[in-house]
C-alpha atoms as a PDB file:
ATOM      1  CA  MET A   1       5.270   7.007 -15.942  1.00  0.00           C
ATOM      2  CA  LYS A   2       2.809   9.017 -14.212  1.00  0.00           C
ATOM      3  CA  ALA A   3       2.683   9.677 -10.410  1.00  0.00           C
ATOM      4  CA  TYR A   4       0.693   7.764  -8.228  1.00  0.00           C
ATOM      5  CA  GLU A   5       0.562   7.120  -4.234  1.00  0.00           C
ATOM      6  CA  VAL A   6      -0.738   4.340  -2.187  1.00  0.00           C
ATOM      7  CA  MET A   7      -1.986   4.016   1.197  1.00  0.00           C
ATOM      8  CA  LEU A   8      -1.574   0.850   2.972  1.00  0.00           C
ATOM      9  CA  ILE A   9      -4.265  -0.300   6.087  1.00  0.00           C
ATOM     10  CA  LEU A  10      -2.503  -3.462   7.420  1.00  0.00           C
ATOM     11  CA  ASP A  11      -3.841  -5.431  10.211  1.00  0.00           C
ATOM     12  CA  PRO A  12      -2.561  -4.016  13.795  1.00  0.00           C
ATOM     13  CA  SER A  13      -2.141  -7.392  15.427  1.00  0.00           C
ATOM     14  CA  LEU A  14       0.117  -8.772  12.827  1.00  0.00           C
ATOM     15  CA  ASP A  15       3.984  -9.659  13.910  1.00  0.00           C
ATOM     16  CA  GLU A  16       6.972  -8.054  12.371  1.00  0.00           C
ATOM     17  CA  GLU A  17       7.778 -10.720   9.887  1.00  0.00           C
ATOM     18  CA  VAL A  18       4.059 -10.748   8.011  1.00  0.00           C
ATOM     19  CA  VAL A  19       3.958  -6.766   7.483  1.00  0.00           C
ATOM     20  CA  THR A  20       7.721  -6.716   6.444  1.00  0.00           C
ATOM     21  CA  THR A  21       6.791  -9.569   4.400  1.00  0.00           C
ATOM     22  CA  THR A  22       3.429  -7.908   2.925  1.00  0.00           C
ATOM     23  CA  LEU A  23       4.959  -4.508   2.423  1.00  0.00           C
ATOM     24  CA  ASP A  24       8.090  -5.890   0.410  1.00  0.00           C
ATOM     25  CA  LYS A  25       5.409  -7.755  -2.096  1.00  0.00           C
ATOM     26  CA  ALA A  26       3.729  -4.538  -2.154  1.00  0.00           C
ATOM     27  CA  LYS A  27       7.188  -2.916  -3.204  1.00  0.00           C
ATOM     28  CA  GLY A  28       8.086  -5.503  -5.813  1.00  0.00           C
ATOM     29  CA  VAL A  29       5.050  -5.692  -7.777  1.00  0.00           C
ATOM     30  CA  ILE A  30       5.581  -2.065  -8.170  1.00  0.00           C
ATOM     31  CA  THR A  31       9.731  -1.746  -9.425  1.00  0.00           C
ATOM     32  CA  ASN A  32       9.562  -5.659 -11.016  1.00  0.00           C
ATOM     33  CA  GLY A  33       6.648  -3.560 -13.810  1.00  0.00           C
ATOM     34  CA  SER A  34       9.014  -0.899 -13.944  1.00  0.00           C
ATOM     35  CA  GLY A  35       7.799   1.232 -11.272  1.00  0.00           C
ATOM     36  CA  ILE A  36      10.244   3.918  -9.388  1.00  0.00           C
ATOM     37  CA  ILE A  37       9.735   4.369  -5.375  1.00  0.00           C
ATOM     38  CA  ASP A  38       9.746   8.219  -4.795  1.00  0.00           C
ATOM     39  CA  ALA A  39       8.822   8.205  -0.857  1.00  0.00           C
ATOM     40  CA  GLU A  40       8.263   5.386   1.535  1.00  0.00           C
ATOM     41  CA  ASP A  41       6.213   6.989   4.847  1.00  0.00           C
ATOM     42  CA  PRO A  42       5.356   4.889   7.489  1.00  0.00           C
ATOM     43  CA  TRP A  43       2.505   6.394   9.427  1.00  0.00           C
ATOM     44  CA  GLY A  44       2.279   3.452  12.641  1.00  0.00           C
ATOM     45  CA  LYS A  45      -1.106   2.883  14.348  1.00  0.00           C
ATOM     46  CA  ARG A  46      -3.979   4.792  14.121  1.00  0.00           C
ATOM     47  CA  LYS A  47      -7.465   4.774  15.619  1.00  0.00           C
ATOM     48  CA  LEU A  48      -9.998   3.752  12.171  1.00  0.00           C
ATOM     49  CA  ALA A  49     -12.840   6.115  11.511  1.00  0.00           C
ATOM     50  CA  TYR A  50     -15.163   2.931  11.775  1.00  0.00           C
ATOM     51  CA  GLU A  51     -14.541  -0.379  12.373  1.00  0.00           C
ATOM     52  CA  ILE A  52     -13.799  -3.033   9.287  1.00  0.00           C
ATOM     53  CA  ASP A  53     -14.293  -6.464  10.279  1.00  0.00           C
ATOM     54  CA  LYS A  54     -14.603  -5.687  14.164  1.00  0.00           C
ATOM     55  CA  ARG A  55     -10.715  -3.716  14.105  1.00  0.00           C
ATOM     56  CA  THR A  56     -11.081  -0.217  15.335  1.00  0.00           C
ATOM     57  CA  GLU A  57      -7.137   0.228  14.498  1.00  0.00           C
ATOM     58  CA  GLY A  58      -4.929  -0.225  11.492  1.00  0.00           C
ATOM     59  CA  ASP A  59      -0.953   0.070  11.068  1.00  0.00           C
ATOM     60  CA  TYR A  60      -0.657   2.586   7.927  1.00  0.00           C
ATOM     61  CA  TYR A  61       1.671   3.016   5.269  1.00  0.00           C
ATOM     62  CA  VAL A  62       2.192   5.359   2.269  1.00  0.00           C
ATOM     63  CA  TYR A  63       4.326   5.183  -0.717  1.00  0.00           C
ATOM     64  CA  GLN A  64       4.405   7.763  -3.541  1.00  0.00           C
ATOM     65  CA  PHE A  65       5.963   5.634  -6.676  1.00  0.00           C
ATOM     66  CA  HIS A  66       5.865   6.326 -10.539  1.00  0.00           C
ATOM     67  CA  ALA A  67       4.634   3.390 -12.810  1.00  0.00           C
ATOM     68  CA  PRO A  68       3.351   2.420 -15.772  1.00  0.00           C
ATOM     69  CA  VAL A  69      -1.126   2.079 -15.869  1.00  0.00           C
ATOM     70  CA  GLU A  70       0.025  -1.652 -16.560  1.00  0.00           C
ATOM     71  CA  THR A  71       1.783  -1.792 -12.987  1.00  0.00           C
ATOM     72  CA  ILE A  72      -0.953  -0.237 -11.547  1.00  0.00           C
ATOM     73  CA  ALA A  73      -3.362  -2.805 -12.557  1.00  0.00           C
ATOM     74  CA  GLU A  74      -0.874  -5.334 -11.058  1.00  0.00           C
ATOM     75  CA  LEU A  75      -0.745  -3.755  -7.882  1.00  0.00           C
ATOM     76  CA  ASP A  76      -4.555  -3.557  -7.088  1.00  0.00           C
ATOM     77  CA  ARG A  77      -4.595  -7.276  -8.249  1.00  0.00           C
ATOM     78  CA  VAL A  78      -2.145  -8.242  -5.693  1.00  0.00           C
ATOM     79  CA  LEU A  79      -3.349  -5.782  -2.451  1.00  0.00           C
ATOM     80  CA  HIS A  80      -6.934  -6.937  -3.308  1.00  0.00           C
ATOM     81  CA  ILE A  81      -6.054 -10.584  -2.468  1.00  0.00           C
ATOM     82  CA  THR A  82      -3.324 -10.338  -0.160  1.00  0.00           C
ATOM     83  CA  ASP A  83      -4.943 -11.289   3.717  1.00  0.00           C
ATOM     84  CA  PRO A  84      -2.912  -9.022   5.812  1.00  0.00           C
ATOM     85  CA  VAL A  85      -4.170  -5.813   4.245  1.00  0.00           C
ATOM     86  CA  VAL A  86      -7.677  -4.078   5.889  1.00  0.00           C
ATOM     87  CA  ARG A  87      -7.453  -1.765   3.126  1.00  0.00           C
ATOM     88  CA  TYR A  88      -5.655  -0.074   0.308  1.00  0.00           C
ATOM     89  CA  MET A  89      -5.868   2.991  -2.097  1.00  0.00           C
ATOM     90  CA  ILE A  90      -4.383   4.146  -5.029  1.00  0.00           C
ATOM     91  CA  VAL A  91      -4.883   7.380  -5.799  1.00  0.00           C
ATOM     92  CA  ARG A  92      -3.129   9.585  -9.599  1.00  0.00           C
ATOM     93  CA  ARG A  93      -0.947  12.273  -8.068  1.00  0.00           C
ATOM     94  CA  ASP A  94      -1.030  15.096 -10.196  1.00  0.00           C
ATOM     95  CA  ASP A  95       1.475  17.597  -8.623  1.00  0.00           C
ATOM     96  CA  LEU A  96       3.972  15.123  -9.958  1.00  0.00           C
ATOM     97  CA  ASN A  97       3.434  13.962 -13.241  1.00  0.00           C
END
């Protein structure tokens, strides 16, 4: 398994229940696909570098994990169709293979 990092930017106007459900959904895709979450890092609300869909702030979450390639494809698919996710980025980390 290779090391990855995913950064999620969620809509800051969401209530806590929707945020928890969305984050659990992302973590579930990783763990159900034989992945292991190494670290969770909630960054909180931050100003976006540019406006996205008339939003100027986002709620940031970063997860570091190990997973097979198939799990990354599924995570990408699920995050792409999840409405509360404003933006996301999955990056392979070469430092912890």
